[in-house]
Amino acid sequence: MAQQDKPAAAKPVVAIMPKVVTAKVAARLVGLSESTLAKLRLNGNGPIYLKLGRRVLYRPADLEQWLESRTARDTSDADARFLKALTIAHPR
């Protein structure tokens, strides 16, 4: 009798997050466009980032921490706590 191939036991899928991600990936992770993330970086209101040569990189843990810091209960809470980073002209 021929031995039938048995399906392999389902292996758990483990998402391994890299130590650093590009600005493009970071923007996708936090739900912003790359240009918005760049403006936040310029104004100092974005997540902590790394600069390796000319490359801008982000650690996923820093992105998560930044997202947590942006939590608000209602619009008045958000208005009081967060700068209007993208509507205020950056002083030069």
Protein backbone atom coordinates (compact mmCIF):
# COMPACT_ATOMS: atom_id res chain seq x y z
CA MET A 1 0.00 0.00 0.00
CA ALA A 2 1.43 3.36 -1.01
CA GLN A 3 1.98 5.75 1.82
CA GLN A 4 -0.07 8.89 1.39
CA ASP A 5 1.54 12.21 2.04
CA LYS A 6 0.21 13.55 5.28
CA PRO A 7 -0.14 17.29 5.58
CA ALA A 8 2.61 18.76 7.69
CA ALA A 9 1.60 20.04 11.07
CA ALA A 10 0.67 23.69 10.85
CA LYS A 11 3.61 25.77 11.92
CA PRO A 12 2.86 28.96 13.77
CA VAL A 13 3.62 32.05 11.75
CA VAL A 14 5.91 34.26 13.73
CA ALA A 15 6.28 37.79 12.47
CA ILE A 16 9.85 38.78 13.00
CA MET A 17 10.15 42.52 13.02
CA PRO A 18 13.51 43.87 11.89
CA LYS A 19 15.54 46.02 14.28
CA VAL A 20 15.13 49.02 11.99
CA VAL A 21 12.79 49.94 9.14
CA THR A 22 12.99 52.53 6.38
CA ALA A 23 10.97 55.74 6.43
CA LYS A 24 8.68 54.24 3.78
CA VAL A 25 7.90 51.20 5.95
CA ALA A 26 7.64 53.36 9.08
CA ALA A 27 5.09 55.63 7.38
CA ARG A 28 3.01 52.59 6.42
CA LEU A 29 3.22 51.20 9.98
CA VAL A 30 1.94 54.42 11.58
CA GLY A 31 -0.59 55.16 8.84
CA LEU A 32 0.96 58.34 7.46
CA SER A 33 2.45 59.32 4.13
CA GLU A 34 6.22 59.51 3.81
CA SER A 35 6.02 63.27 3.31
CA THR A 36 3.97 63.76 6.47
CA LEU A 37 6.46 61.68 8.44
CA ALA A 38 9.29 63.79 6.98
CA LYS A 39 7.52 67.03 8.02
CA LEU A 40 7.02 65.69 11.53
CA ARG A 41 10.71 64.76 11.64
CA LEU A 42 11.68 68.27 10.47
CA ASN A 43 9.53 69.91 13.15
CA GLY A 44 10.68 67.53 15.88
CA ASN A 45 7.17 66.16 16.47
CA GLY A 46 7.58 62.74 14.90
CA PRO A 47 8.86 59.47 16.27
CA ILE A 48 12.49 59.06 17.29
CA TYR A 49 14.61 58.13 14.29
CA LEU A 50 18.12 56.98 13.47
CA LYS A 51 20.43 58.57 10.94
CA LEU A 52 22.94 56.17 9.38
CA GLY A 53 24.86 58.09 6.77
CA ARG A 54 22.15 59.64 4.62
CA ARG A 55 19.57 56.99 5.52
CA VAL A 56 16.73 57.72 7.93
CA LEU A 57 15.62 54.63 9.83
CA TYR A 58 13.16 53.91 12.60
CA ARG A 59 13.05 51.26 15.32
CA PRO A 60 9.62 49.61 15.50
CA ALA A 61 9.59 50.02 19.29
CA ASP A 62 10.04 53.79 18.88
CA LEU A 63 7.15 53.89 16.41
CA GLU A 64 4.91 52.04 18.86
CA GLN A 65 5.92 54.37 21.69
CA TRP A 66 5.20 57.43 19.54
CA LEU A 67 1.78 56.08 18.58
CA GLU A 68 0.96 55.47 22.25
CA SER A 69 1.99 59.04 23.08
CA ARG A 70 -0.52 60.33 20.50
CA THR A 71 -3.55 58.75 22.20
CA ALA A 72 -6.36 61.16 23.08
CA ARG A 73 -9.83 60.69 24.59
CA ASP A 74 -11.60 63.45 22.66
CA THR A 75 -10.84 66.33 20.33
CA SER A 76 -10.46 68.92 23.10
CA ASP A 77 -7.92 66.65 24.80
CA ALA A 78 -6.01 66.30 21.53
CA ASP A 79 -6.11 70.05 20.84
CA ALA A 80 -4.70 70.81 24.29
CA ARG A 81 -1.94 68.18 24.17
CA PHE A 82 -0.65 68.13 20.61
CA LEU A 83 0.98 70.84 18.57
CA LYS A 84 -0.45 71.67 15.20
CA ALA A 85 2.84 70.47 13.76
CA LEU A 86 1.79 70.51 10.13
CA THR A 87 -0.15 73.78 10.17
CA ILE A 88 2.41 75.98 11.90
CA ALA A 89 5.16 77.38 9.71
CA HIS A 90 8.55 76.12 10.79
CA PRO A 91 10.79 79.00 11.96
CA ARG A 92 14.00 79.25 9.95
